[in-house]
Each structure stands twice: as structure tokens, then as C-alpha cells.
Amino acid sequence: MENMKQYMDAYKSEAEEHLENLSNALLELEKDPTNSEFIDQLFRSAHTLKSSSAAMGFKKISELAHAMEDALGRLKKKELKANKQIVDLIFVCFDTLETMITKVTKGGKEEGNTSPLMVALKQLMLIPKGTDKVELKDIPKRKLKDAVKSASYVKVGLDKLDKLMNLVGELLIMKMRFQQIKNQEKIEVLNEPLNQLTHLIDSLQFEVMQSRMIPVNQVFNRFPRLVRDIAEKENKKVNFTIEGGEIELDRSVLDKIGDPLVHMLKNAVDHGIETPEERKNLGKKEEGMLKLIAKKDKNAVVIEVKDDGKGFDTAEIKKTALEKGIITQAELSRLSQNKINLLPFDPKFTTAKKVTEISGRGVGLDAVNKMITEMNGTISVNAPKGKGTNFTLELPLTLAIMKCFLIQIEEEVYGIPLTTVSRCVKLDQRKIKTIEGHESFVIDEKEDIPLIRLHEIFGQAIPPKEEVTIVIVDKAGEKAGLTVDKIIGEQELIIKPMEKSLKETKGFSGAAILGDGRVALILEMNTLI
């Protein structure tokens, strides 16, 4: 029961919906006992309550709903005709279910005497098929119900939540505009009202964000069957476990992580975990281990896919990358182990010896990389040969709102995700060195960092300055220095997705409207670095 607490809210919401369906259908059935539409509706709701209550461990509720379902099944098959006695019996079952569910979802015990109802329902099941006049003995009496009942949940469409988030975004933009006017005109009297407005908008933003949060189990729960089917197809034994399913993510992120995780789990079973015979020869258990783990880390969620299989063959990866022209020998010699482990994420890369239904068709890790990049997330891989693979995804909790570090290149403003900003430095141009066509600089007399001139990337002339302003960014341990004209500072922004026509433009993950009405493009660090 303890382990099911996290699902109680979802159970309560669904149960209330089906109880309402039962009530409405029963009232209609009472008016028209021959209407099969209402019998079908009653049957479906009883069936769902039976299943969801059993999953929660509510045995009495599940048994009563099951007995109701069986009785309604006889009406559905037209073995019996619904009369006043039968409708009254179903009404009493409904009232009892409603009382028991209300008590148990308020943290109480599963209470209620269902024995008289079970006896009456059993009577109904024993009546011969085709009996015209159904007579039942000792049916519990219907009780007068309270007319007023408070509703604790309201279902809201995702489109309405998206509209609410957009309105919060508009409020944030207006707040920034007012702050800008106050600062420009030096209107000190606006300080207090603006502080109050900021507090109200922050509170509204928090509540809207909370309403969009969904447990990752809503995606994770479909994977055990997937892993089982793939393992069976590949003649492998896999012990698959899930941890951290209660961790909540914004639905905008949750909608996107399903497909990448499918590819990673397929990859783990198909390429990572060995066959029982291979594992036995290697001194491993015949059954492979595969774990899917979710955990929170500050303003991000970390998802891991771990297996105890083959790991990565670094020599094979290097050979394939060179053969397929993904990288040159000179570039390869400069790569860290993590960067080498990320080479299989290139669309041209595959070490598969055969094409199967599961992999080898040009989709897989490259699809994962594309999706994670679009979400401003990071991927890291730890895969020592023969000792298993650990894929680690770090994702933002939401794609809707992001803290950004605003910078300026000529007249244009750009946002850098604040989580990637390490520090800012001023540097003499003479300290920038060029090796094999690549610029870099050293800070603190120990760290050599590659330099990215944003002017050059955006097709603008590099300004002839003796000193340059550099923002050092760090993405999954990979650092780079971005040259900028001006640093504006931190700001929380509502991120809008790129238009379809611009989605293929590399280097940007979204856009935001600033307080003065200008549009700031959000730089995508994975591509830049």
C-alpha cells in the first residue's frame, strides 16, 4: 500500500469520473431499461473500477465492481431484462462503491460490508437465462443520498494549460517592460507596485507549472512489455527494473522523451546485453541486468539507462568512424573518451553486422541525439568494454520557461541557457593562440579552452578590438569560450519553439520575446560546442 501512495491522486480522479458515469447511466437506465447503450456504459465503468482498484490493492472494492460487471454482463448479453429490482440492486452497489472509494482515498481504510450485496448479485447470476420475471430476495435498501458533494478534481485539457502558460509569458514580458520604463525614466514610486506584481506573477507561474507536471511513470510504464518482447525476439534473458517513476516532469518534456528512451532500451537489449550462452562463457549471470532510472538534480532531471552487457569497443568505434568519414585521424587524436563514446550517435554510424527489425535501419542513437539536442539536454556515456553501458541524459524540468544569460552581438540579442554558463572573462587578443586552424586560450594558467567567435558563425565581421569579452560555457564537461560584444545579464524567459521552416537551422533551440519587444534567439550549446 505504501508503494501505491504516489498513484492515489490519479486513482481518485479516474474513480470519480467513472462513479459519475455510473450514476448518470443508472438514472437513464431506470427510465429506459431496454436501452443497451446505458448498459454498455455501466459495464465499461464497472470493469475499469475493478481493474484500477485491484491495481491499487483495494480488494473489497475490486471484488464488488467485478460482481457488478458480471451481473451487467448478463444484461449486456440479453440473458436477462433489467427491471426495477435489478436497477435498485445496481444503485445500492454504486452507492456502496462511492462510499468505500471516498473513504479509502481520504487516507482511511478499505471499509464497508459488501456481503449482502455479493449474495444478491450471486442470486442474479443463478437466475436461468431468458427468465421474464426476475425476483430477488433480501436486496439491501437504497439510501437517501446527500445532494451536495464537493469536487476535488477537474479535468483540464492540455491546450488550456498551454494557453495559461502563454498568458503567464505575456505577463512576464509586460513586467519586464514596466521595469525597463521605470529604470529609464527613474520612476522610484513604481518600486513597491512592481515588487508586488513580481511576487504575484511568480506565484501564478509556479501554480501553472505545477499543474503541468506529470510523473515519468506515465511514459516508463509501457517499457517493461517492450523490453520483454525484444528480449524474447533476440533469445535473451533480461531483468528489467524501473526506479524513480514518481519524479515529475513538465508534459512538454515528457511528450518528447518516450521515443529516445525506446531507442536506447532497444539498443541495450539488441547490442548491449549478450545471449545467455555468451554471458555464461564470460562468467556472468545468464540473465542480463537493465535499469531505467530517473532522479532530480537541481533544475534538471537525470535519466539513466544502464546495462551490464558488452560496453563499447573503443577500437571498433574509432575504426567505423574513420571508415565512414565521420571524423579525421587528426580530430580523433584530440577527442576525450566521452566524445569517442558519443561517435555512435552520428547518423552515419552503425557497427551492426545485420539489419534487424530492432536496429540497423539508420534510426537509433542518432534519433536520441537529435531529440535531446532539441530539448537543450545533454548525453554522456560510460561504457568500459565488457563491463556494461551507462547512458546518462540530463534534461530540463520544463521547456516552457528557462533562465538565460543574455548577450549581444552587434544589434542582436541572444540567450544562453544559464545552466551552461561557467564564467565570463576579458582577454587580450594576443593571448589567443591558433593550432591547426583552431583558436583557443588558457585561463588560470592551466585550462586550455577552444574559442568560438559568434560573429564569424553569424556571418558578421570580427571587430578589431585589443580585448575581447568571452562567456565560458560548459556542456556535459565540454567547455568553450564564446566571444560577445556585450553582456546584458540573467533573465527568465518564456521559450517559444522555432517555426517549422527554421527548425532545421542548427545552433538554435527556440526564441523569446524581451521586455522591449525584441526577439532573442536561444543558442543551442551542443551544436555550437
Protein backbone atom coordinates (compact mmCIF):
# COMPACT_ATOMS: atom_id res chain seq x y z
CA MET A 1 0.00 0.00 0.00
CA GLU A 2 2.88 2.37 0.84
CA ASN A 3 4.32 1.98 -2.65
CA MET A 4 0.97 2.91 -4.22
CA LYS A 5 0.53 6.28 -2.48
CA GLN A 6 2.03 8.14 -5.42
CA TYR A 7 -0.78 6.82 -7.65
CA MET A 8 -3.63 7.74 -5.29
CA ASP A 9 -4.41 11.10 -6.90
CA ALA A 10 -4.67 9.56 -10.36
CA TYR A 11 -6.84 6.72 -8.99
CA LYS A 12 -9.16 9.15 -7.22
CA SER A 13 -9.59 11.32 -10.31
CA GLU A 14 -10.35 8.31 -12.54
CA ALA A 15 -12.68 6.69 -9.95
CA GLU A 16 -14.69 9.91 -9.53
CA GLU A 17 -15.16 10.10 -13.30
CA HIS A 18 -16.42 6.50 -13.53
CA LEU A 19 -18.69 6.89 -10.49
CA GLU A 20 -20.28 9.88 -12.20
CA ASN A 21 -20.70 7.82 -15.40
CA LEU A 22 -22.35 5.03 -13.36
CA SER A 23 -24.74 7.46 -11.68
CA ASN A 24 -25.83 9.11 -14.94
CA ALA A 25 -26.21 5.80 -16.80
CA LEU A 26 -28.24 4.25 -13.96
CA LEU A 27 -30.68 7.18 -13.93
CA GLU A 28 -31.15 6.81 -17.69
CA LEU A 29 -31.47 3.00 -17.45
CA GLU A 30 -34.19 3.42 -14.83
CA LYS A 31 -36.20 5.46 -17.38
CA ASP A 32 -35.48 3.04 -20.26
CA PRO A 33 -34.47 -0.48 -19.02
CA THR A 34 -34.11 -1.82 -22.57
CA ASN A 35 -31.52 0.73 -23.74
CA SER A 36 -28.30 -1.22 -24.43
CA GLU A 37 -26.20 1.98 -24.69
CA PHE A 38 -26.57 2.66 -20.94
CA ILE A 39 -25.93 -1.00 -20.05
CA ASP A 40 -22.68 -0.87 -22.08
CA GLN A 41 -21.68 2.34 -20.30
CA LEU A 42 -22.33 0.78 -16.88
CA PHE A 43 -20.39 -2.35 -17.86
CA ARG A 44 -17.34 -0.35 -19.02
CA SER A 45 -17.20 1.79 -15.87
CA ALA A 46 -17.58 -1.24 -13.57
CA HIS A 47 -14.81 -3.03 -15.48
CA THR A 48 -12.41 -0.05 -15.20
CA LEU A 49 -13.14 0.40 -11.46
CA LYS A 50 -12.48 -3.31 -10.95
CA SER A 51 -9.09 -3.16 -12.68
CA SER A 52 -7.84 0.14 -11.20
CA SER A 53 -8.94 -0.84 -7.65
CA ALA A 54 -7.19 -4.22 -7.96
CA ALA A 55 -4.01 -2.46 -9.12
CA MET A 56 -4.18 -0.26 -6.00
CA GLY A 57 -4.69 -3.29 -3.74
CA PHE A 58 -8.30 -2.41 -2.80
CA LYS A 59 -9.59 -5.98 -2.74
CA LYS A 60 -13.16 -5.41 -1.47
CA ILE A 61 -13.84 -2.58 -3.92
CA SER A 62 -12.42 -4.63 -6.79
CA GLU A 63 -14.49 -7.72 -5.86
CA LEU A 64 -17.75 -5.73 -5.67
CA ALA A 65 -17.04 -3.98 -9.00
CA HIS A 66 -16.20 -7.40 -10.51
CA ALA A 67 -19.51 -8.90 -9.29
CA MET A 68 -21.34 -5.84 -10.70
CA GLU A 69 -19.54 -6.31 -14.02
CA ASP A 70 -20.61 -9.99 -14.17
CA ALA A 71 -24.25 -9.10 -13.42
CA LEU A 72 -24.23 -6.31 -16.02
CA GLY A 73 -22.68 -8.78 -18.45
CA ARG A 74 -25.88 -10.84 -18.29
CA LEU A 75 -27.93 -7.76 -19.19
CA LYS A 76 -25.44 -6.86 -21.93
CA LYS A 77 -25.79 -10.36 -23.48
CA LYS A 78 -29.61 -10.04 -23.16
CA GLU A 79 -29.75 -13.15 -20.96
CA LEU A 80 -31.90 -11.13 -18.53
CA LYS A 81 -34.03 -8.00 -18.81
CA ALA A 82 -33.41 -5.07 -16.45
CA ASN A 83 -36.35 -4.47 -14.11
CA LYS A 84 -36.81 -2.17 -11.10
CA GLN A 85 -35.32 -4.74 -8.67
CA ILE A 86 -32.15 -5.16 -10.75
CA VAL A 87 -31.72 -1.41 -11.24
CA ASP A 88 -32.22 -0.87 -7.48
CA LEU A 89 -29.56 -3.51 -6.74
CA ILE A 90 -27.05 -1.85 -9.08
CA PHE A 91 -27.86 1.52 -7.47
CA VAL A 92 -27.06 0.14 -3.99
CA CYS A 93 -23.81 -1.35 -5.36
CA PHE A 94 -22.94 2.05 -6.82
CA ASP A 95 -23.70 3.86 -3.51
CA THR A 96 -21.52 1.37 -1.61
CA LEU A 97 -18.65 1.71 -4.08
CA GLU A 98 -18.84 5.50 -3.89
CA THR A 99 -18.73 5.47 -0.06
CA MET A 100 -15.83 3.00 0.06
CA ILE A 101 -13.79 4.86 -2.57
CA THR A 102 -14.36 8.23 -0.82
CA LYS A 103 -13.12 6.78 2.49
CA VAL A 104 -10.09 4.99 1.09
CA THR A 105 -8.90 7.98 -0.99
CA LYS A 106 -9.06 10.23 2.07
CA GLY A 107 -6.39 8.09 3.70
CA GLY A 108 -8.76 5.79 5.52
CA LYS A 109 -9.02 2.00 5.47
CA GLU A 110 -10.98 -0.01 2.96
CA GLU A 111 -14.23 -0.32 4.98
CA GLY A 112 -17.76 -1.44 4.18
CA ASN A 113 -19.88 -4.57 4.46
CA THR A 114 -20.29 -5.87 0.93
CA SER A 115 -21.56 -9.37 1.89
CA PRO A 116 -25.34 -8.70 1.43
CA LEU A 117 -24.64 -7.20 -1.99
CA MET A 118 -22.42 -10.09 -3.05
CA VAL A 119 -25.18 -12.54 -2.03
CA ALA A 120 -27.79 -10.58 -4.02
CA LEU A 121 -25.53 -10.37 -7.09
CA LYS A 122 -24.88 -14.13 -6.83
CA GLN A 123 -28.68 -14.67 -6.85
CA LEU A 124 -28.84 -12.67 -10.06
CA MET A 125 -26.12 -14.81 -11.66
CA LEU A 126 -28.06 -18.04 -10.84
CA ILE A 127 -31.33 -16.97 -12.49
CA PRO A 128 -31.90 -19.09 -15.62
CA LYS A 129 -31.29 -17.42 -18.96
CA GLY A 130 -34.40 -15.93 -20.60
CA THR A 131 -36.44 -15.64 -17.35
CA ASP A 132 -39.06 -12.93 -17.94
CA LYS A 133 -39.93 -12.08 -14.34
CA VAL A 134 -36.82 -11.72 -12.18
CA GLU A 135 -37.47 -11.90 -8.42
CA LEU A 136 -34.64 -11.19 -5.95
CA LYS A 137 -34.85 -11.69 -2.17
CA ASP A 138 -33.37 -9.57 0.63
CA ILE A 139 -31.99 -6.77 -1.56
CA PRO A 140 -30.37 -4.03 0.58
CA LYS A 141 -32.45 -0.85 0.55
CA ARG A 142 -31.34 2.28 -1.33
CA LYS A 143 -30.44 5.17 0.99
CA LEU A 144 -31.32 8.80 0.52
CA LYS A 145 -28.13 10.48 -0.74
CA ASP A 146 -26.82 13.92 0.04
CA ALA A 147 -27.47 16.30 -2.85
CA VAL A 148 -24.26 18.26 -2.35
CA LYS A 149 -20.85 16.79 -2.99
CA SER A 150 -17.64 18.77 -3.29
CA ALA A 151 -15.49 18.12 -6.34
CA SER A 152 -11.76 17.81 -5.60
CA TYR A 153 -10.56 17.39 -9.19
CA VAL A 154 -11.40 18.99 -12.51
CA LYS A 155 -10.04 17.65 -15.80
CA VAL A 156 -8.40 20.36 -17.87
CA GLY A 157 -7.34 19.92 -21.49
CA LEU A 158 -3.65 20.28 -22.34
CA ASP A 159 -4.48 23.04 -24.82
CA LYS A 160 -5.94 25.12 -21.96
CA LEU A 161 -2.79 24.59 -19.87
CA ASP A 162 -0.70 25.71 -22.85
CA LYS A 163 -2.83 28.85 -23.21
CA LEU A 164 -2.41 29.58 -19.48
CA MET A 165 1.37 29.23 -19.85
CA ASN A 166 1.33 31.60 -22.83
CA LEU A 167 -0.62 34.17 -20.80
CA VAL A 168 1.92 33.87 -17.96
CA GLY A 169 4.58 34.52 -20.60
CA GLU A 170 2.81 37.66 -21.75
CA LEU A 171 2.62 38.85 -18.12
CA LEU A 172 6.37 38.26 -17.71
CA ILE A 173 7.08 40.29 -20.86
CA MET A 174 4.87 43.17 -19.62
CA LYS A 175 6.59 43.07 -16.22
CA MET A 176 9.99 43.37 -17.93
CA ARG A 177 8.64 46.27 -20.00
CA PHE A 178 7.48 48.12 -16.88
CA GLN A 179 10.83 47.53 -15.20
CA GLN A 180 12.61 48.89 -18.25
CA ILE A 181 10.44 52.05 -18.28
CA LYS A 182 10.96 52.52 -14.54
CA ASN A 183 14.75 52.26 -14.92
CA GLN A 184 14.90 54.52 -18.00
CA GLU A 185 12.62 57.20 -16.55
CA LYS A 186 13.88 56.72 -12.97
CA ILE A 187 10.33 56.47 -11.54
CA GLU A 188 11.07 55.36 -7.98
CA VAL A 189 7.38 55.34 -6.99
CA LEU A 190 6.93 52.18 -9.11
CA ASN A 191 9.34 50.14 -6.96
CA GLU A 192 6.78 48.78 -4.50
CA PRO A 193 3.96 48.04 -7.02
CA LEU A 194 6.48 46.30 -9.29
CA ASN A 195 7.77 44.17 -6.42
CA GLN A 196 4.20 43.12 -5.60
CA LEU A 197 3.46 42.42 -9.27
CA THR A 198 6.64 40.30 -9.49
CA HIS A 199 5.55 38.28 -6.43
CA LEU A 200 2.05 37.68 -7.89
CA ILE A 201 3.37 36.67 -11.31
CA ASP A 202 5.94 34.32 -9.71
CA SER A 203 3.16 32.67 -7.65
CA LEU A 204 0.92 32.32 -10.72
CA GLN A 205 3.80 30.93 -12.76
CA PHE A 206 4.59 28.35 -10.05
CA GLU A 207 0.95 27.15 -9.84
CA VAL A 208 0.61 26.86 -13.64
CA MET A 209 3.93 24.98 -13.80
CA GLN A 210 2.79 22.57 -11.06
CA SER A 211 -0.45 21.85 -12.93
CA ARG A 212 1.61 20.76 -15.97
CA MET A 213 3.85 18.34 -14.02
CA ILE A 214 3.29 14.62 -14.67
CA PRO A 215 5.08 11.57 -13.12
CA VAL A 216 7.53 9.96 -15.57
CA ASN A 217 5.84 6.60 -14.88
CA GLN A 218 3.18 7.65 -17.39
CA VAL A 219 5.88 7.00 -20.03
CA PHE A 220 8.02 4.42 -18.17
CA ASN A 221 5.12 2.01 -17.53
CA ARG A 222 4.93 0.98 -21.19
CA PHE A 223 8.57 -0.16 -21.31
CA PRO A 224 8.52 -3.49 -19.39
CA ARG A 225 6.40 -5.10 -22.12
CA LEU A 226 8.63 -3.58 -24.84
CA VAL A 227 11.82 -4.96 -23.23
CA ARG A 228 10.21 -8.38 -22.69
CA ASP A 229 9.17 -8.62 -26.37
CA ILE A 230 12.58 -7.56 -27.71
CA ALA A 231 14.42 -9.94 -25.35
CA GLU A 232 12.17 -12.81 -26.47
CA LYS A 233 12.76 -11.98 -30.15
CA GLU A 234 16.54 -11.86 -29.60
CA ASN A 235 16.57 -15.03 -27.39
CA LYS A 236 18.00 -13.11 -24.45
CA LYS A 237 17.18 -13.11 -20.74
CA VAL A 238 16.76 -9.62 -19.29
CA ASN A 239 15.88 -8.49 -15.76
CA PHE A 240 14.42 -5.01 -16.35
CA THR A 241 13.76 -2.67 -13.41
CA ILE A 242 12.50 0.93 -13.13
CA GLU A 243 13.45 3.42 -10.41
CA GLY A 244 12.22 6.97 -9.75
CA GLY A 245 8.94 6.69 -11.64
CA GLU A 246 7.39 9.22 -9.24
CA ILE A 247 9.72 12.02 -10.46
CA GLU A 248 7.63 14.71 -12.16
CA LEU A 249 8.36 16.44 -15.46
CA ASP A 250 6.57 19.11 -17.43
CA ARG A 251 4.34 17.45 -20.01
CA SER A 252 6.24 19.26 -22.80
CA VAL A 253 9.39 17.31 -21.84
CA LEU A 254 7.53 14.08 -21.08
CA ASP A 255 5.93 14.14 -24.55
CA LYS A 256 9.39 14.14 -26.13
CA ILE A 257 11.39 11.61 -24.09
CA GLY A 258 9.37 8.49 -24.98
CA ASP A 259 10.91 7.83 -28.41
CA PRO A 260 14.55 8.43 -27.38
CA LEU A 261 14.14 6.02 -24.45
CA VAL A 262 12.60 3.39 -26.74
CA HIS A 263 15.70 3.59 -28.99
CA MET A 264 18.07 3.37 -26.02
CA LEU A 265 16.31 0.37 -24.47
CA LYS A 266 16.24 -1.38 -27.85
CA ASN A 267 19.94 -0.64 -28.27
CA ALA A 268 20.71 -2.01 -24.81
CA VAL A 269 18.89 -5.31 -25.43
CA ASP A 270 19.97 -5.71 -29.07
CA HIS A 271 23.61 -4.53 -28.92
CA GLY A 272 24.48 -4.34 -25.22
CA ILE A 273 23.29 -7.46 -23.40
CA GLU A 274 24.81 -10.73 -24.57
CA THR A 275 22.98 -14.03 -25.19
CA PRO A 276 22.72 -16.43 -22.21
CA GLU A 277 25.44 -18.64 -23.74
CA GLU A 278 27.84 -15.70 -24.27
CA ARG A 279 27.23 -14.45 -20.73
CA LYS A 280 27.83 -17.91 -19.28
CA ASN A 281 31.16 -18.17 -21.12
CA LEU A 282 32.15 -14.73 -19.77
CA GLY A 283 31.37 -15.78 -16.19
CA LYS A 284 28.26 -13.57 -15.99
CA LYS A 285 24.74 -14.50 -14.92
CA GLU A 286 22.68 -15.79 -17.85
CA GLU A 287 20.10 -13.07 -17.15
CA GLY A 288 21.25 -9.59 -18.14
CA MET A 289 20.55 -6.52 -15.99
CA LEU A 290 18.82 -3.48 -17.49
CA LYS A 291 17.78 -0.46 -15.41
CA LEU A 292 15.85 2.71 -16.22
CA ILE A 293 16.41 5.33 -13.51
CA ALA A 294 15.02 8.85 -13.09
CA LYS A 295 16.22 11.32 -10.44
CA LYS A 296 16.16 15.06 -9.84
CA ASP A 297 19.28 17.22 -9.86
CA LYS A 298 18.61 20.91 -9.04
CA ASN A 299 16.69 22.35 -12.05
CA ALA A 300 17.09 19.25 -14.18
CA VAL A 301 16.06 15.62 -14.30
CA VAL A 302 18.65 12.91 -14.89
CA ILE A 303 17.59 9.73 -16.68
CA GLU A 304 19.93 6.74 -16.84
CA VAL A 305 19.74 3.60 -18.96
CA LYS A 306 22.18 1.04 -17.50
CA ASP A 307 23.02 -2.48 -18.57
CA ASP A 308 25.72 -5.00 -17.62
CA GLY A 309 26.45 -6.10 -21.19
CA LYS A 310 29.30 -5.67 -23.66
CA GLY A 311 30.02 -1.99 -23.17
CA PHE A 312 31.67 -0.13 -26.07
CA ASP A 313 34.56 -1.44 -28.13
CA THR A 314 36.57 1.79 -28.48
CA ALA A 315 38.83 0.37 -31.23
CA GLU A 316 35.77 -0.70 -33.27
CA ILE A 317 34.11 2.71 -32.79
CA LYS A 318 37.23 4.58 -33.96
CA LYS A 319 37.63 2.28 -36.97
CA THR A 320 33.97 2.68 -38.03
CA ALA A 321 34.04 6.48 -37.54
CA LEU A 322 37.15 6.77 -39.75
CA GLU A 323 35.80 4.40 -42.44
CA LYS A 324 32.50 6.28 -42.69
CA GLY A 325 34.19 9.70 -42.84
CA ILE A 326 32.59 10.92 -39.61
CA ILE A 327 35.94 12.19 -38.32
CA THR A 328 39.57 12.53 -39.44
CA GLN A 329 42.54 10.86 -37.77
CA ALA A 330 43.82 14.27 -36.60
CA GLU A 331 40.47 15.13 -34.99
CA LEU A 332 40.20 11.67 -33.46
CA SER A 333 43.54 12.04 -31.69
CA ARG A 334 42.22 15.10 -29.81
CA LEU A 335 38.94 13.53 -28.61
CA SER A 336 38.22 12.69 -24.98
CA GLN A 337 36.87 9.23 -24.12
CA ASN A 338 33.36 10.67 -23.63
CA LYS A 339 33.49 12.27 -27.10
CA ILE A 340 34.61 8.94 -28.59
CA ASN A 341 31.66 7.25 -26.85
CA LEU A 342 29.35 9.80 -28.48
CA LEU A 343 30.50 8.98 -32.04
CA PRO A 344 27.83 6.22 -32.39
CA PHE A 345 25.20 8.98 -32.09
CA ASP A 346 26.16 10.24 -35.57
CA PRO A 347 23.51 9.36 -38.23
CA LYS A 348 26.15 7.72 -40.45
CA PHE A 349 27.41 5.45 -37.69
CA THR A 350 26.49 1.78 -37.21
CA THR A 351 28.53 -1.25 -36.16
CA ALA A 352 25.55 -3.57 -36.62
CA LYS A 353 26.58 -6.69 -38.52
CA LYS A 354 22.98 -7.30 -39.60
CA VAL A 355 19.83 -5.32 -40.20
CA THR A 356 17.04 -6.42 -37.84
CA GLU A 357 13.54 -5.22 -37.04
CA ILE A 358 15.03 -3.70 -33.92
CA SER A 359 18.06 -1.81 -35.19
CA GLY A 360 20.38 -1.16 -38.07
CA ARG A 361 17.99 0.90 -40.21
CA GLY A 362 19.61 4.28 -39.64
CA VAL A 363 17.47 5.16 -36.64
CA GLY A 364 18.53 4.71 -33.06
CA LEU A 365 21.16 6.63 -31.21
CA ASP A 366 21.19 9.40 -33.84
CA ALA A 367 17.45 9.92 -33.21
CA VAL A 368 18.19 10.12 -29.48
CA ASN A 369 20.90 12.73 -30.08
CA LYS A 370 18.62 14.85 -32.26
CA MET A 371 15.77 14.87 -29.74
CA ILE A 372 17.95 15.55 -26.69
CA THR A 373 19.72 18.37 -28.55
CA GLU A 374 16.37 19.97 -29.40
CA MET A 375 15.47 19.92 -25.71
CA ASN A 376 18.75 21.61 -24.67
CA GLY A 377 19.70 18.45 -22.81
CA THR A 378 22.98 16.55 -22.65
CA ILE A 379 24.07 12.95 -23.17
CA SER A 380 27.07 11.28 -21.61
CA VAL A 381 28.18 7.66 -21.95
CA ASN A 382 30.27 5.48 -19.68
CA ALA A 383 30.83 2.12 -21.37
CA PRO A 384 34.04 0.23 -20.47
CA LYS A 385 34.44 -2.80 -22.72
CA GLY A 386 32.84 -5.92 -21.25
CA LYS A 387 31.51 -4.12 -18.17
CA GLY A 388 28.23 -2.64 -19.38
CA THR A 389 26.94 0.69 -20.61
CA ASN A 390 25.53 3.66 -18.72
CA PHE A 391 23.74 6.28 -20.85
CA THR A 392 23.00 9.44 -18.83
CA LEU A 393 20.54 12.04 -20.11
CA GLU A 394 20.26 15.40 -18.36
CA LEU A 395 17.09 17.25 -19.27
CA PRO A 396 15.43 20.49 -18.17
CA LEU A 397 12.35 20.07 -15.95
CA THR A 398 10.40 22.20 -18.44
CA LEU A 399 10.84 23.55 -21.97
CA ALA A 400 8.40 26.39 -21.37
CA ILE A 401 10.45 28.65 -19.06
CA MET A 402 14.22 28.99 -18.98
CA LYS A 403 16.71 31.11 -17.09
CA CYS A 404 19.00 32.60 -19.71
CA PHE A 405 22.19 34.63 -19.83
CA LEU A 406 21.57 37.40 -22.39
CA ILE A 407 24.42 38.52 -24.63
CA GLN A 408 24.61 40.92 -27.58
CA ILE A 409 26.34 40.56 -30.97
CA GLU A 410 26.18 43.90 -32.82
CA GLU A 411 22.46 44.85 -32.54
CA GLU A 412 21.10 41.34 -31.97
CA VAL A 413 20.41 39.77 -28.55
CA TYR A 414 20.87 36.04 -27.90
CA GLY A 415 20.12 33.84 -24.89
CA ILE A 416 22.45 31.19 -23.46
CA PRO A 417 20.84 28.63 -21.07
CA LEU A 418 22.08 29.76 -17.65
CA THR A 419 22.82 26.18 -16.55
CA THR A 420 25.62 26.02 -19.15
CA VAL A 421 27.34 29.34 -18.24
CA SER A 422 30.52 28.81 -16.23
CA ARG A 423 32.06 32.32 -16.05
CA CYS A 424 32.84 35.49 -18.03
CA VAL A 425 36.33 36.85 -18.71
CA LYS A 426 38.03 39.73 -20.55
CA LEU A 427 41.01 38.58 -22.58
CA ASP A 428 43.81 40.26 -24.50
CA GLN A 429 43.64 39.23 -28.19
CA ARG A 430 47.35 38.41 -28.06
CA LYS A 431 46.66 35.56 -25.61
CA ILE A 432 44.54 33.72 -28.17
CA LYS A 433 46.55 31.04 -29.99
CA THR A 434 45.81 29.14 -33.19
CA ILE A 435 46.74 25.46 -33.61
CA GLU A 436 45.83 23.60 -36.84
CA GLY A 437 43.25 26.26 -37.69
CA HIS A 438 41.54 26.12 -34.29
CA GLU A 439 41.64 29.05 -31.85
CA SER A 440 41.95 28.52 -28.09
CA PHE A 441 43.04 30.32 -24.93
CA VAL A 442 44.33 29.43 -21.49
CA ILE A 443 42.74 30.60 -18.21
CA ASP A 444 44.10 30.25 -14.69
CA GLU A 445 47.37 29.10 -16.29
CA LYS A 446 46.11 25.54 -16.57
CA GLU A 447 42.97 25.12 -18.70
CA ASP A 448 43.12 25.24 -22.49
CA ILE A 449 39.67 26.18 -23.83
CA PRO A 450 38.60 26.27 -27.50
CA LEU A 451 37.32 29.64 -28.74
CA ILE A 452 34.13 30.14 -30.76
CA ARG A 453 33.76 33.54 -32.43
CA LEU A 454 30.00 34.10 -32.63
CA HIS A 455 30.49 36.98 -35.11
CA GLU A 456 32.03 34.52 -37.55
CA ILE A 457 29.23 31.96 -37.06
CA PHE A 458 26.55 34.59 -37.68
CA GLY A 459 28.34 35.88 -40.79
CA GLN A 460 29.44 39.21 -39.29
CA ALA A 461 32.82 40.93 -39.34
CA ILE A 462 35.02 40.31 -36.29
CA PRO A 463 35.51 43.69 -34.55
CA PRO A 464 39.19 44.81 -34.37
CA LYS A 465 39.46 45.03 -30.56
CA GLU A 466 42.55 44.60 -28.42
CA GLU A 467 40.46 42.99 -25.68
CA VAL A 468 37.58 40.53 -26.14
CA THR A 469 34.69 39.62 -23.84
CA ILE A 470 34.29 35.86 -23.52
CA VAL A 471 31.47 33.81 -21.96
CA ILE A 472 32.78 30.37 -20.96
CA VAL A 473 30.14 27.65 -21.29
CA ASP A 474 30.26 24.07 -20.03
CA LYS A 475 28.05 21.38 -21.53
CA ALA A 476 28.48 17.86 -20.10
CA GLY A 477 32.12 18.58 -19.23
CA GLU A 478 32.95 20.06 -22.64
CA LYS A 479 33.98 23.74 -22.36
CA ALA A 480 34.16 26.52 -24.93
CA GLY A 481 34.59 30.29 -24.91
CA LEU A 482 32.07 32.40 -26.86
CA THR A 483 33.15 35.87 -27.94
CA VAL A 484 30.44 38.53 -27.46
CA ASP A 485 30.10 42.30 -27.85
CA LYS A 486 28.14 42.90 -24.67
CA ILE A 487 26.84 41.03 -21.63
CA ILE A 488 23.27 42.03 -20.69
CA GLY A 489 22.73 39.66 -17.74
CA GLU A 490 20.38 36.98 -16.41
CA GLN A 491 16.70 36.86 -17.29
CA GLU A 492 13.87 34.32 -17.03
CA LEU A 493 12.28 33.84 -20.44
CA ILE A 494 9.24 32.07 -21.87
CA ILE A 495 10.68 29.95 -24.66
CA LYS A 496 8.74 29.67 -27.90
CA PRO A 497 9.53 26.80 -30.30
CA MET A 498 11.12 27.65 -33.64
CA GLU A 499 8.84 27.86 -36.68
CA LYS A 500 8.81 24.72 -38.84
CA SER A 501 10.76 26.48 -41.60
CA LEU A 502 13.56 27.36 -39.12
CA LYS A 503 13.67 24.09 -37.14
CA GLU A 504 16.44 22.65 -39.30
CA THR A 505 18.64 25.73 -38.66
CA LYS A 506 21.44 24.42 -36.45
CA GLY A 507 22.61 26.24 -33.37
CA PHE A 508 19.24 27.49 -32.04
CA SER A 509 16.72 25.76 -29.77
CA GLY A 510 13.98 28.40 -29.54
CA ALA A 511 13.17 32.08 -29.24
CA ALA A 512 11.84 34.51 -26.64
CA ILE A 513 10.32 38.00 -26.66
CA LEU A 514 12.14 40.55 -24.48
CA GLY A 515 10.63 43.40 -22.48
CA ASP A 516 11.36 45.93 -25.25
CA GLY A 517 9.62 43.78 -27.86
CA ARG A 518 12.81 42.43 -29.46
CA VAL A 519 13.18 38.71 -30.21
CA ALA A 520 16.11 36.83 -28.69
CA LEU A 521 17.17 33.51 -30.24
CA ILE A 522 18.27 30.86 -27.71
CA LEU A 523 21.65 29.33 -28.55
CA GLU A 524 21.84 25.53 -28.53
CA MET A 525 25.13 24.64 -26.84
CA ASN A 526 25.56 21.03 -28.04
CA THR A 527 25.75 22.09 -31.69
CA LEU A 528 27.96 25.13 -31.01
CA ILE A 529 30.50 23.23 -28.93
